[in-house]
Amino acid sequence: MIPVTRRDALIGVIESLHAEIAALKANDVVGLERATADKLAGIEAIAGFGAAPAGDELRALADEAHRLNETCRIYVNLMAANVRRRLQTLTGSAGVAVGSPPGTVYRPGMGIAAYA
């Protein structure tokens, strides 16, 4: 369905973000691709309406879309961190300080730095 108003387009983006979150949770690659394509199409539709001032309802919808997009970003970052951790475990590099030479073995206190 082609959105008739900016409101319709924003609602479409919100629906696609919900679908994106569901696909991320289910590890559904096809669903994720579809939801992402729908989201991008909705964003393009919103851009096509120009930069006219937004009322309270549109701002609230945009805030909801932003919140959902941040949720998607968090899921993706967590998934990437899990994959990185698994790869480090599989390659035997888990627990080695960043920047240590290959073959370095973990020793307590190695590579720990305090940040202010």
PDB file of N, CA and C in Angstrom:
ATOM      1  N   MET A   1       0.834  -1.185   0.000  1.00  0.00           N
ATOM      2  CA  MET A   1       0.000   0.000   0.000  1.00  0.00           C
ATOM      3  C   MET A   1       0.878   1.249   0.000  1.00  0.00           C
ATOM      4  N   ILE A   2       0.571   2.171  -0.865  1.00  0.00           N
ATOM      5  CA  ILE A   2       1.311   3.430  -0.933  1.00  0.00           C
ATOM      6  C   ILE A   2       0.716   4.388   0.099  1.00  0.00           C
ATOM      7  N   PRO A   3       1.572   4.944   0.999  1.00  0.00           N
ATOM      8  CA  PRO A   3       1.044   5.848   2.022  1.00  0.00           C
ATOM      9  C   PRO A   3       0.475   7.114   1.405  1.00  0.00           C
ATOM     10  N   VAL A   4      -0.640   7.551   1.970  1.00  0.00           N
ATOM     11  CA  VAL A   4      -1.317   8.746   1.471  1.00  0.00           C
ATOM     12  C   VAL A   4      -0.822   9.985   2.205  1.00  0.00           C
ATOM     13  N   THR A   5      -0.430   9.825   3.455  1.00  0.00           N
ATOM     14  CA  THR A   5       0.033  10.950   4.272  1.00  0.00           C
ATOM     15  C   THR A   5       1.335  10.589   4.968  1.00  0.00           C
ATOM     16  N   ARG A   6       1.981  11.608   5.542  1.00  0.00           N
ATOM     17  CA  ARG A   6       3.181  11.344   6.338  1.00  0.00           C
ATOM     18  C   ARG A   6       2.841  10.450   7.526  1.00  0.00           C
ATOM     19  N   ARG A   7       1.664  10.666   8.092  1.00  0.00           N
ATOM     20  CA  ARG A   7       1.214   9.847   9.217  1.00  0.00           C
ATOM     21  C   ARG A   7       1.147   8.373   8.809  1.00  0.00           C
ATOM     22  N   ASP A   8       0.540   8.103   7.653  1.00  0.00           N
ATOM     23  CA  ASP A   8       0.447   6.721   7.157  1.00  0.00           C
ATOM     24  C   ASP A   8       1.838   6.129   6.950  1.00  0.00           C
ATOM     25  N   ALA A   9       2.733   6.927   6.397  1.00  0.00           N
ATOM     26  CA  ALA A   9       4.097   6.443   6.150  1.00  0.00           C
ATOM     27  C   ALA A   9       4.813   6.143   7.468  1.00  0.00           C
ATOM     28  N   LEU A  10       4.640   7.011   8.471  1.00  0.00           N
ATOM     29  CA  LEU A  10       5.263   6.779   9.772  1.00  0.00           C
ATOM     30  C   LEU A  10       4.710   5.529  10.437  1.00  0.00           C
ATOM     31  N   ILE A  11       3.413   5.326  10.330  1.00  0.00           N
ATOM     32  CA  ILE A  11       2.805   4.123  10.891  1.00  0.00           C
ATOM     33  C   ILE A  11       3.360   2.880  10.182  1.00  0.00           C
ATOM     34  N   GLY A  12       3.554   2.976   8.876  1.00  0.00           N
ATOM     35  CA  GLY A  12       4.156   1.876   8.132  1.00  0.00           C
ATOM     36  C   GLY A  12       5.572   1.578   8.603  1.00  0.00           C
ATOM     37  N   VAL A  13       6.350   2.623   8.881  1.00  0.00           N
ATOM     38  CA  VAL A  13       7.718   2.439   9.385  1.00  0.00           C
ATOM     39  C   VAL A  13       7.678   1.771  10.757  1.00  0.00           C
ATOM     40  N   ILE A  14       6.764   2.213  11.606  1.00  0.00           N
ATOM     41  CA  ILE A  14       6.631   1.620  12.939  1.00  0.00           C
ATOM     42  C   ILE A  14       6.269   0.138  12.824  1.00  0.00           C
ATOM     43  N   GLU A  15       5.348  -0.191  11.936  1.00  0.00           N
ATOM     44  CA  GLU A  15       4.966  -1.598  11.741  1.00  0.00           C
ATOM     45  C   GLU A  15       6.148  -2.421  11.231  1.00  0.00           C
ATOM     46  N   SER A  16       6.924  -1.839  10.332  1.00  0.00           N
ATOM     47  CA  SER A  16       8.085  -2.572   9.807  1.00  0.00           C
ATOM     48  C   SER A  16       9.157  -2.744  10.884  1.00  0.00           C
ATOM     49  N   LEU A  17       9.275  -1.766  11.780  1.00  0.00           N
ATOM     50  CA  LEU A  17      10.234  -1.902  12.882  1.00  0.00           C
ATOM     51  C   LEU A  17       9.803  -3.003  13.853  1.00  0.00           C
ATOM     52  N   HIS A  18       8.512  -3.108  14.111  1.00  0.00           N
ATOM     53  CA  HIS A  18       8.021  -4.219  14.933  1.00  0.00           C
ATOM     54  C   HIS A  18       8.343  -5.558  14.255  1.00  0.00           C
ATOM     55  N   ALA A  19       8.152  -5.615  12.945  1.00  0.00           N
ATOM     56  CA  ALA A  19       8.466  -6.846  12.197  1.00  0.00           C
ATOM     57  C   ALA A  19       9.969  -7.123  12.229  1.00  0.00           C
ATOM     58  N   GLU A  20      10.763  -6.084  12.163  1.00  0.00           N
ATOM     59  CA  GLU A  20      12.220  -6.235  12.210  1.00  0.00           C
ATOM     60  C   GLU A  20      12.648  -6.805  13.561  1.00  0.00           C
ATOM     61  N   ILE A  21      12.074  -6.292  14.647  1.00  0.00           N
ATOM     62  CA  ILE A  21      12.401  -6.795  15.984  1.00  0.00           C
ATOM     63  C   ILE A  21      11.994  -8.261  16.105  1.00  0.00           C
ATOM     64  N   ALA A  22      10.805  -8.596  15.624  1.00  0.00           N
ATOM     65  CA  ALA A  22      10.338  -9.985  15.678  1.00  0.00           C
ATOM     66  C   ALA A  22      11.270 -10.895  14.886  1.00  0.00           C
ATOM     67  N   ALA A  23      11.716 -10.445  13.728  1.00  0.00           N
ATOM     68  CA  ALA A  23      12.620 -11.246  12.900  1.00  0.00           C
ATOM     69  C   ALA A  23      13.978 -11.412  13.581  1.00  0.00           C
ATOM     70  N   LEU A  24      14.467 -10.362  14.230  1.00  0.00           N
ATOM     71  CA  LEU A  24      15.737 -10.457  14.959  1.00  0.00           C
ATOM     72  C   LEU A  24      15.624 -11.464  16.098  1.00  0.00           C
ATOM     73  N   LYS A  25      14.525 -11.403  16.827  1.00  0.00           N
ATOM     74  CA  LYS A  25      14.328 -12.335  17.943  1.00  0.00           C
ATOM     75  C   LYS A  25      14.255 -13.781  17.466  1.00  0.00           C
ATOM     76  N   ALA A  26      13.665 -13.991  16.285  1.00  0.00           N
ATOM     77  CA  ALA A  26      13.468 -15.351  15.762  1.00  0.00           C
ATOM     78  C   ALA A  26      14.607 -15.817  14.860  1.00  0.00           C
ATOM     79  N   ASN A  27      15.614 -14.965  14.655  1.00  0.00           N
ATOM     80  CA  ASN A  27      16.702 -15.268  13.714  1.00  0.00           C
ATOM     81  C   ASN A  27      16.145 -15.589  12.329  1.00  0.00           C
ATOM     82  N   ASP A  28      15.135 -14.860  11.923  1.00  0.00           N
ATOM     83  CA  ASP A  28      14.461 -15.045  10.632  1.00  0.00           C
ATOM     84  C   ASP A  28      15.087 -14.091   9.615  1.00  0.00           C
ATOM     85  N   VAL A  29      16.047 -14.599   8.850  1.00  0.00           N
ATOM     86  CA  VAL A  29      16.793 -13.763   7.912  1.00  0.00           C
ATOM     87  C   VAL A  29      15.884 -13.211   6.815  1.00  0.00           C
ATOM     88  N   VAL A  30      15.016 -14.052   6.267  1.00  0.00           N
ATOM     89  CA  VAL A  30      14.117 -13.605   5.203  1.00  0.00           C
ATOM     90  C   VAL A  30      13.174 -12.535   5.735  1.00  0.00           C
ATOM     91  N   GLY A  31      12.620 -12.759   6.926  1.00  0.00           N
ATOM     92  CA  GLY A  31      11.737 -11.766   7.544  1.00  0.00           C
ATOM     93  C   GLY A  31      12.467 -10.467   7.835  1.00  0.00           C
ATOM     94  N   LEU A  32      13.732 -10.575   8.256  1.00  0.00           N
ATOM     95  CA  LEU A  32      14.537  -9.391   8.542  1.00  0.00           C
ATOM     96  C   LEU A  32      14.791  -8.590   7.269  1.00  0.00           C
ATOM     97  N   GLU A  33      15.112  -9.284   6.184  1.00  0.00           N
ATOM     98  CA  GLU A  33      15.334  -8.589   4.906  1.00  0.00           C
ATOM     99  C   GLU A  33      14.067  -7.879   4.446  1.00  0.00           C
ATOM    100  N   ARG A  34      12.931  -8.549   4.567  1.00  0.00           N
ATOM    101  CA  ARG A  34      11.662  -7.965   4.142  1.00  0.00           C
ATOM    102  C   ARG A  34      11.312  -6.744   5.002  1.00  0.00           C
ATOM    103  N   ALA A  35      11.450  -6.890   6.332  1.00  0.00           N
ATOM    104  CA  ALA A  35      11.126  -5.786   7.242  1.00  0.00           C
ATOM    105  C   ALA A  35      12.051  -4.595   7.010  1.00  0.00           C
ATOM    106  N   THR A  36      13.322  -4.868   6.772  1.00  0.00           N
ATOM    107  CA  THR A  36      14.273  -3.790   6.530  1.00  0.00           C
ATOM    108  C   THR A  36      13.956  -3.062   5.225  1.00  0.00           C
ATOM    109  N   ALA A  37      13.615  -3.820   4.189  1.00  0.00           N
ATOM    110  CA  ALA A  37      13.238  -3.196   2.910  1.00  0.00           C
ATOM    111  C   ALA A  37      11.974  -2.356   3.071  1.00  0.00           C
ATOM    112  N   ASP A  38      11.005  -2.870   3.820  1.00  0.00           N
ATOM    113  CA  ASP A  38       9.770  -2.111   4.071  1.00  0.00           C
ATOM    114  C   ASP A  38      10.065  -0.835   4.851  1.00  0.00           C
ATOM    115  N   LYS A  39      10.950  -0.948   5.842  1.00  0.00           N
ATOM    116  CA  LYS A  39      11.316   0.223   6.640  1.00  0.00           C
ATOM    117  C   LYS A  39      11.966   1.288   5.765  1.00  0.00           C
ATOM    118  N   LEU A  40      12.903   0.871   4.927  1.00  0.00           N
ATOM    119  CA  LEU A  40      13.584   1.830   4.054  1.00  0.00           C
ATOM    120  C   LEU A  40      12.626   2.471   3.060  1.00  0.00           C
ATOM    121  N   ALA A  41      11.681   1.686   2.532  1.00  0.00           N
ATOM    122  CA  ALA A  41      10.676   2.235   1.615  1.00  0.00           C
ATOM    123  C   ALA A  41       9.799   3.251   2.335  1.00  0.00           C
ATOM    124  N   GLY A  42       9.456   2.962   3.581  1.00  0.00           N
ATOM    125  CA  GLY A  42       8.655   3.907   4.370  1.00  0.00           C
ATOM    126  C   GLY A  42       9.401   5.197   4.642  1.00  0.00           C
ATOM    127  N   ILE A  43      10.681   5.079   4.930  1.00  0.00           N
ATOM    128  CA  ILE A  43      11.500   6.274   5.174  1.00  0.00           C
ATOM    129  C   ILE A  43      11.588   7.119   3.909  1.00  0.00           C
ATOM    130  N   GLU A  44      11.753   6.462   2.760  1.00  0.00           N
ATOM    131  CA  GLU A  44      11.769   7.192   1.484  1.00  0.00           C
ATOM    132  C   GLU A  44      10.432   7.889   1.235  1.00  0.00           C
ATOM    133  N   ALA A  45       9.336   7.207   1.578  1.00  0.00           N
ATOM    134  CA  ALA A  45       8.001   7.809   1.408  1.00  0.00           C
ATOM    135  C   ALA A  45       7.856   9.046   2.284  1.00  0.00           C
ATOM    136  N   ILE A  46       8.348   8.956   3.516  1.00  0.00           N
ATOM    137  CA  ILE A  46       8.276  10.111   4.424  1.00  0.00           C
ATOM    138  C   ILE A  46       9.084  11.263   3.849  1.00  0.00           C
ATOM    139  N   ALA A  47      10.271  10.972   3.346  1.00  0.00           N
ATOM    140  CA  ALA A  47      11.117  12.016   2.751  1.00  0.00           C
ATOM    141  C   ALA A  47      10.424  12.655   1.557  1.00  0.00           C
ATOM    142  N   GLY A  48       9.621  11.879   0.838  1.00  0.00           N
ATOM    143  CA  GLY A  48       8.913  12.404  -0.324  1.00  0.00           C
ATOM    144  C   GLY A  48       7.851  13.437   0.018  1.00  0.00           C
ATOM    145  N   PHE A  49       7.423  13.462   1.266  1.00  0.00           N
ATOM    146  CA  PHE A  49       6.418  14.441   1.675  1.00  0.00           C
ATOM    147  C   PHE A  49       7.033  15.786   2.012  1.00  0.00           C
ATOM    148  N   GLY A  50       8.348  15.880   1.981  1.00  0.00           N
ATOM    149  CA  GLY A  50       9.009  17.149   2.230  1.00  0.00           C
ATOM    150  C   GLY A  50       9.251  17.391   3.710  1.00  0.00           C
ATOM    151  N   ALA A  51       9.678  18.605   4.015  1.00  0.00           N
ATOM    152  CA  ALA A  51      10.075  18.956   5.380  1.00  0.00           C
ATOM    153  C   ALA A  51       9.092  19.911   6.029  1.00  0.00           C
ATOM    154  N   ALA A  52       7.820  19.765   5.736  1.00  0.00           N
ATOM    155  CA  ALA A  52       6.812  20.625   6.361  1.00  0.00           C
ATOM    156  C   ALA A  52       6.824  20.398   7.872  1.00  0.00           C
ATOM    157  N   PRO A  53       6.483  21.411   8.641  1.00  0.00           N
ATOM    158  CA  PRO A  53       6.467  21.250  10.098  1.00  0.00           C
ATOM    159  C   PRO A  53       5.557  20.100  10.523  1.00  0.00           C
ATOM    160  N   ALA A  54       5.995  19.391  11.553  1.00  0.00           N
ATOM    161  CA  ALA A  54       5.227  18.256  12.065  1.00  0.00           C
ATOM    162  C   ALA A  54       4.460  18.679  13.305  1.00  0.00           C
ATOM    163  N   GLY A  55       3.254  18.190  13.423  1.00  0.00           N
ATOM    164  CA  GLY A  55       2.450  18.460  14.612  1.00  0.00           C
ATOM    165  C   GLY A  55       2.814  17.496  15.721  1.00  0.00           C
ATOM    166  N   ASP A  56       2.085  17.598  16.823  1.00  0.00           N
ATOM    167  CA  ASP A  56       2.368  16.759  17.989  1.00  0.00           C
ATOM    168  C   ASP A  56       2.223  15.268  17.679  1.00  0.00           C
ATOM    169  N   GLU A  57       1.185  14.900  16.915  1.00  0.00           N
ATOM    170  CA  GLU A  57       0.969  13.490  16.608  1.00  0.00           C
ATOM    171  C   GLU A  57       2.113  12.927  15.771  1.00  0.00           C
ATOM    172  N   LEU A  58       2.551  13.673  14.767  1.00  0.00           N
ATOM    173  CA  LEU A  58       3.654  13.197  13.934  1.00  0.00           C
ATOM    174  C   LEU A  58       4.948  13.093  14.731  1.00  0.00           C
ATOM    175  N   ARG A  59       5.182  14.063  15.626  1.00  0.00           N
ATOM    176  CA  ARG A  59       6.380  13.996  16.464  1.00  0.00           C
ATOM    177  C   ARG A  59       6.332  12.776  17.369  1.00  0.00           C
ATOM    178  N   ALA A  60       5.162  12.464  17.920  1.00  0.00           N
ATOM    179  CA  ALA A  60       5.024  11.295  18.792  1.00  0.00           C
ATOM    180  C   ALA A  60       5.278  10.008  17.997  1.00  0.00           C
ATOM    181  N   LEU A  61       4.757   9.946  16.774  1.00  0.00           N
ATOM    182  CA  LEU A  61       4.994   8.770  15.929  1.00  0.00           C
ATOM    183  C   LEU A  61       6.469   8.655  15.559  1.00  0.00           C
ATOM    184  N   ALA A  62       7.097   9.780  15.249  1.00  0.00           N
ATOM    185  CA  ALA A  62       8.525   9.768  14.920  1.00  0.00           C
ATOM    186  C   ALA A  62       9.350   9.331  16.129  1.00  0.00           C
ATOM    187  N   ASP A  63       8.963   9.782  17.324  1.00  0.00           N
ATOM    188  CA  ASP A  63       9.661   9.359  18.544  1.00  0.00           C
ATOM    189  C   ASP A  63       9.519   7.855  18.763  1.00  0.00           C
ATOM    190  N   GLU A  64       8.316   7.323  18.510  1.00  0.00           N
ATOM    191  CA  GLU A  64       8.093   5.886  18.637  1.00  0.00           C
ATOM    192  C   GLU A  64       8.960   5.122  17.639  1.00  0.00           C
ATOM    193  N   ALA A  65       9.016   5.599  16.404  1.00  0.00           N
ATOM    194  CA  ALA A  65       9.854   4.954  15.388  1.00  0.00           C
ATOM    195  C   ALA A  65      11.320   4.992  15.813  1.00  0.00           C
ATOM    196  N   HIS A  66      11.752   6.118  16.346  1.00  0.00           N
ATOM    197  CA  HIS A  66      13.144   6.252  16.801  1.00  0.00           C
ATOM    198  C   HIS A  66      13.429   5.260  17.928  1.00  0.00           C
ATOM    199  N   ARG A  67      12.510   5.144  18.892  1.00  0.00           N
ATOM    200  CA  ARG A  67      12.688   4.224  20.010  1.00  0.00           C
ATOM    201  C   ARG A  67      12.793   2.780  19.514  1.00  0.00           C
ATOM    202  N   LEU A  68      11.920   2.413  18.583  1.00  0.00           N
ATOM    203  CA  LEU A  68      11.946   1.055  18.034  1.00  0.00           C
ATOM    204  C   LEU A  68      13.228   0.804  17.247  1.00  0.00           C
ATOM    205  N   ASN A  69      13.684   1.801  16.510  1.00  0.00           N
ATOM    206  CA  ASN A  69      14.928   1.651  15.764  1.00  0.00           C
ATOM    207  C   ASN A  69      16.108   1.466  16.713  1.00  0.00           C
ATOM    208  N   GLU A  70      16.098   2.172  17.836  1.00  0.00           N
ATOM    209  CA  GLU A  70      17.149   1.992  18.838  1.00  0.00           C
ATOM    210  C   GLU A  70      17.098   0.583  19.418  1.00  0.00           C
ATOM    211  N   THR A  71      15.892   0.051  19.614  1.00  0.00           N
ATOM    212  CA  THR A  71      15.748  -1.321  20.097  1.00  0.00           C
ATOM    213  C   THR A  71      16.366  -2.291  19.093  1.00  0.00           C
ATOM    214  N   CYS A  72      16.106  -2.068  17.806  1.00  0.00           N
ATOM    215  CA  CYS A  72      16.713  -2.909  16.759  1.00  0.00           C
ATOM    216  C   CYS A  72      18.229  -2.823  16.814  1.00  0.00           C
ATOM    217  N   ARG A  73      18.734  -1.623  16.974  1.00  0.00           N
ATOM    218  CA  ARG A  73      20.185  -1.422  17.029  1.00  0.00           C
ATOM    219  C   ARG A  73      20.788  -2.182  18.202  1.00  0.00           C
ATOM    220  N   ILE A  74      20.124  -2.138  19.354  1.00  0.00           N
ATOM    221  CA  ILE A  74      20.617  -2.840  20.533  1.00  0.00           C
ATOM    222  C   ILE A  74      20.644  -4.347  20.289  1.00  0.00           C
ATOM    223  N   TYR A  75      19.562  -4.880  19.697  1.00  0.00           N
ATOM    224  CA  TYR A  75      19.537  -6.317  19.375  1.00  0.00           C
ATOM    225  C   TYR A  75      20.699  -6.693  18.464  1.00  0.00           C
ATOM    226  N   VAL A  76      20.926  -5.900  17.432  1.00  0.00           N
ATOM    227  CA  VAL A  76      22.003  -6.195  16.485  1.00  0.00           C
ATOM    228  C   VAL A  76      23.357  -6.140  17.183  1.00  0.00           C
ATOM    229  N   ASN A  77      23.568  -5.132  18.024  1.00  0.00           N
ATOM    230  CA  ASN A  77      24.841  -5.024  18.741  1.00  0.00           C
ATOM    231  C   ASN A  77      25.057  -6.197  19.688  1.00  0.00           C
ATOM    232  N   LEU A  78      23.991  -6.633  20.373  1.00  0.00           N
ATOM    233  CA  LEU A  78      24.107  -7.793  21.259  1.00  0.00           C
ATOM    234  C   LEU A  78      24.417  -9.055  20.472  1.00  0.00           C
ATOM    235  N   MET A  79      23.760  -9.220  19.339  1.00  0.00           N
ATOM    236  CA  MET A  79      24.022 -10.394  18.502  1.00  0.00           C
ATOM    237  C   MET A  79      25.463 -10.378  17.996  1.00  0.00           C
ATOM    238  N   ALA A  80      25.945  -9.223  17.586  1.00  0.00           N
ATOM    239  CA  ALA A  80      27.322  -9.113  17.103  1.00  0.00           C
ATOM    240  C   ALA A  80      28.314  -9.421  18.221  1.00  0.00           C
ATOM    241  N   ALA A  81      28.033  -8.950  19.436  1.00  0.00           N
ATOM    242  CA  ALA A  81      28.917  -9.229  20.569  1.00  0.00           C
ATOM    243  C   ALA A  81      28.928 -10.724  20.882  1.00  0.00           C
ATOM    244  N   ASN A  82      27.766 -11.368  20.782  1.00  0.00           N
ATOM    245  CA  ASN A  82      27.707 -12.810  21.025  1.00  0.00           C
ATOM    246  C   ASN A  82      28.508 -13.583  19.980  1.00  0.00           C
ATOM    247  N   VAL A  83      28.389 -13.180  18.732  1.00  0.00           N
ATOM    248  CA  VAL A  83      29.146 -13.846  17.667  1.00  0.00           C
ATOM    249  C   VAL A  83      30.642 -13.634  17.889  1.00  0.00           C
ATOM    250  N   ARG A  84      31.036 -12.424  18.233  1.00  0.00           N
ATOM    251  CA  ARG A  84      32.453 -12.130  18.487  1.00  0.00           C
ATOM    252  C   ARG A  84      32.973 -12.997  19.633  1.00  0.00           C
ATOM    253  N   ARG A  85      32.193 -13.105  20.717  1.00  0.00           N
ATOM    254  CA  ARG A  85      32.600 -13.911  21.860  1.00  0.00           C
ATOM    255  C   ARG A  85      32.733 -15.388  21.469  1.00  0.00           C
ATOM    256  N   ARG A  86      31.777 -15.887  20.696  1.00  0.00           N
ATOM    257  CA  ARG A  86      31.838 -17.288  20.259  1.00  0.00           C
ATOM    258  C   ARG A  86      33.052 -17.545  19.382  1.00  0.00           C
ATOM    259  N   LEU A  87      33.319 -16.619  18.463  1.00  0.00           N
ATOM    260  CA  LEU A  87      34.486 -16.771  17.598  1.00  0.00           C
ATOM    261  C   LEU A  87      35.776 -16.743  18.409  1.00  0.00           C
ATOM    262  N   GLN A  88      35.846 -15.863  19.396  1.00  0.00           N
ATOM    263  CA  GLN A  88      37.035 -15.806  20.238  1.00  0.00           C
ATOM    264  C   GLN A  88      37.215 -17.108  21.011  1.00  0.00           C
ATOM    265  N   THR A  89      36.104 -17.655  21.482  1.00  0.00           N
ATOM    266  CA  THR A  89      36.170 -18.924  22.206  1.00  0.00           C
ATOM    267  C   THR A  89      36.632 -20.045  21.281  1.00  0.00           C
ATOM    268  N   LEU A  90      36.082 -20.081  20.076  1.00  0.00           N
ATOM    269  CA  LEU A  90      36.439 -21.129  19.123  1.00  0.00           C
ATOM    270  C   LEU A  90      37.891 -21.040  18.667  1.00  0.00           C
ATOM    271  N   THR A  91      38.417 -19.830  18.593  1.00  0.00           N
ATOM    272  CA  THR A  91      39.792 -19.654  18.127  1.00  0.00           C
ATOM    273  C   THR A  91      40.796 -19.635  19.271  1.00  0.00           C
ATOM    274  N   GLY A  92      40.296 -19.743  20.506  1.00  0.00           N
ATOM    275  CA  GLY A  92      41.195 -19.770  21.658  1.00  0.00           C
ATOM    276  C   GLY A  92      41.709 -18.417  22.059  1.00  0.00           C
ATOM    277  N   SER A  93      41.106 -17.349  21.557  1.00  0.00           N
ATOM    278  CA  SER A  93      41.595 -16.020  21.911  1.00  0.00           C
ATOM    279  C   SER A  93      40.741 -15.350  22.975  1.00  0.00           C
ATOM    280  N   ALA A  94      39.785 -16.075  23.554  1.00  0.00           N
ATOM    281  CA  ALA A  94      38.955 -15.498  24.616  1.00  0.00           C
ATOM    282  C   ALA A  94      39.811 -15.229  25.835  1.00  0.00           C
ATOM    283  N   GLY A  95      39.625 -14.096  26.442  1.00  0.00           N
ATOM    284  CA  GLY A  95      40.357 -13.757  27.657  1.00  0.00           C
ATOM    285  C   GLY A  95      41.706 -13.131  27.414  1.00  0.00           C
ATOM    286  N   VAL A  96      42.079 -12.912  26.177  1.00  0.00           N
ATOM    287  CA  VAL A  96      43.356 -12.290  25.857  1.00  0.00           C
ATOM    288  C   VAL A  96      43.116 -10.800  25.643  1.00  0.00           C
ATOM    289  N   ALA A  97      43.990  -9.993  26.192  1.00  0.00           N
ATOM    290  CA  ALA A  97      43.832  -8.550  26.097  1.00  0.00           C
ATOM    291  C   ALA A  97      43.899  -8.089  24.648  1.00  0.00           C
ATOM    292  N   VAL A  98      43.113  -7.092  24.339  1.00  0.00           N
ATOM    293  CA  VAL A  98      43.115  -6.520  22.998  1.00  0.00           C
ATOM    294  C   VAL A  98      44.497  -5.957  22.702  1.00  0.00           C
ATOM    295  N   GLY A  99      45.023  -6.262  21.549  1.00  0.00           N
ATOM    296  CA  GLY A  99      46.328  -5.766  21.147  1.00  0.00           C
ATOM    297  C   GLY A  99      47.478  -6.679  21.543  1.00  0.00           C
ATOM    298  N   SER A 100      47.173  -7.782  22.251  1.00  0.00           N
ATOM    299  CA  SER A 100      48.227  -8.722  22.633  1.00  0.00           C
ATOM    300  C   SER A 100      48.686  -9.501  21.412  1.00  0.00           C
ATOM    301  N   PRO A 101      49.958  -9.879  21.377  1.00  0.00           N
ATOM    302  CA  PRO A 101      50.452 -10.638  20.228  1.00  0.00           C
ATOM    303  C   PRO A 101      49.780 -12.009  20.149  1.00  0.00           C
ATOM    304  N   PRO A 102      49.688 -12.583  18.959  1.00  0.00           N
ATOM    305  CA  PRO A 102      49.099 -13.914  18.806  1.00  0.00           C
ATOM    306  C   PRO A 102      49.821 -14.924  19.683  1.00  0.00           C
ATOM    307  N   GLY A 103      49.065 -15.855  20.238  1.00  0.00           N
ATOM    308  CA  GLY A 103      49.644 -16.888  21.088  1.00  0.00           C
ATOM    309  C   GLY A 103      49.786 -16.473  22.537  1.00  0.00           C
ATOM    310  N   THR A 104      49.438 -15.232  22.862  1.00  0.00           N
ATOM    311  CA  THR A 104      49.527 -14.765  24.235  1.00  0.00           C
ATOM    312  C   THR A 104      48.512 -15.515  25.085  1.00  0.00           C
ATOM    313  N   VAL A 105      48.919 -15.925  26.238  1.00  0.00           N
ATOM    314  CA  VAL A 105      48.034 -16.631  27.155  1.00  0.00           C
ATOM    315  C   VAL A 105      47.566 -15.649  28.222  1.00  0.00           C
ATOM    316  N   TYR A 106      46.324 -15.784  28.611  1.00  0.00           N
ATOM    317  CA  TYR A 106      45.762 -14.899  29.631  1.00  0.00           C
ATOM    318  C   TYR A 106      46.439 -15.120  30.978  1.00  0.00           C
ATOM    319  N   ARG A 107      46.793 -14.021  31.641  1.00  0.00           N
ATOM    320  CA  ARG A 107      47.268 -14.055  33.014  1.00  0.00           C
ATOM    321  C   ARG A 107      46.464 -13.029  33.782  1.00  0.00           C
ATOM    322  N   PRO A 108      46.079 -13.317  35.019  1.00  0.00           N
ATOM    323  CA  PRO A 108      45.296 -12.374  35.808  1.00  0.00           C
ATOM    324  C   PRO A 108      45.945 -10.995  35.822  1.00  0.00           C
ATOM    325  N   GLY A 109      45.149  -9.972  35.612  1.00  0.00           N
ATOM    326  CA  GLY A 109      45.631  -8.595  35.614  1.00  0.00           C
ATOM    327  C   GLY A 109      46.186  -8.119  34.304  1.00  0.00           C
ATOM    328  N   MET A 110      46.272  -9.014  33.321  1.00  0.00           N
ATOM    329  CA  MET A 110      46.851  -8.666  32.034  1.00  0.00           C
ATOM    330  C   MET A 110      45.901  -7.797  31.231  1.00  0.00           C
ATOM    331  N   GLY A 111      46.336  -6.675  30.786  1.00  0.00           N
ATOM    332  CA  GLY A 111      45.550  -5.846  29.891  1.00  0.00           C
ATOM    333  C   GLY A 111      44.393  -5.111  30.549  1.00  0.00           C
ATOM    334  N   ILE A 112      44.348  -5.101  31.859  1.00  0.00           N
ATOM    335  CA  ILE A 112      43.267  -4.409  32.527  1.00  0.00           C
ATOM    336  C   ILE A 112      43.686  -2.970  32.759  1.00  0.00           C
ATOM    337  N   ALA A 113      42.835  -2.073  32.375  1.00  0.00           N
ATOM    338  CA  ALA A 113      43.121  -0.661  32.554  1.00  0.00           C
ATOM    339  C   ALA A 113      41.909   0.014  33.169  1.00  0.00           C
ATOM    340  N   ALA A 114      42.148   0.977  34.002  1.00  0.00           N
ATOM    341  CA  ALA A 114      41.057   1.742  34.593  1.00  0.00           C
ATOM    342  C   ALA A 114      40.807   2.970  33.729  1.00  0.00           C
ATOM    343  N   TYR A 115      39.549   3.289  33.538  1.00  0.00           N
ATOM    344  CA  TYR A 115      39.197   4.449  32.746  1.00  0.00           C
ATOM    345  C   TYR A 115      38.504   5.459  33.631  1.00  0.00           C
ATOM    346  N   ALA A 116      38.924   6.697  33.514  1.00  0.00           N
ATOM    347  CA  ALA A 116      38.312   7.753  34.332  1.00  0.00           C
ATOM    348  C   ALA A 116      37.143   8.358  33.634  1.00  0.00           C
TER     349      ALA A 116
END
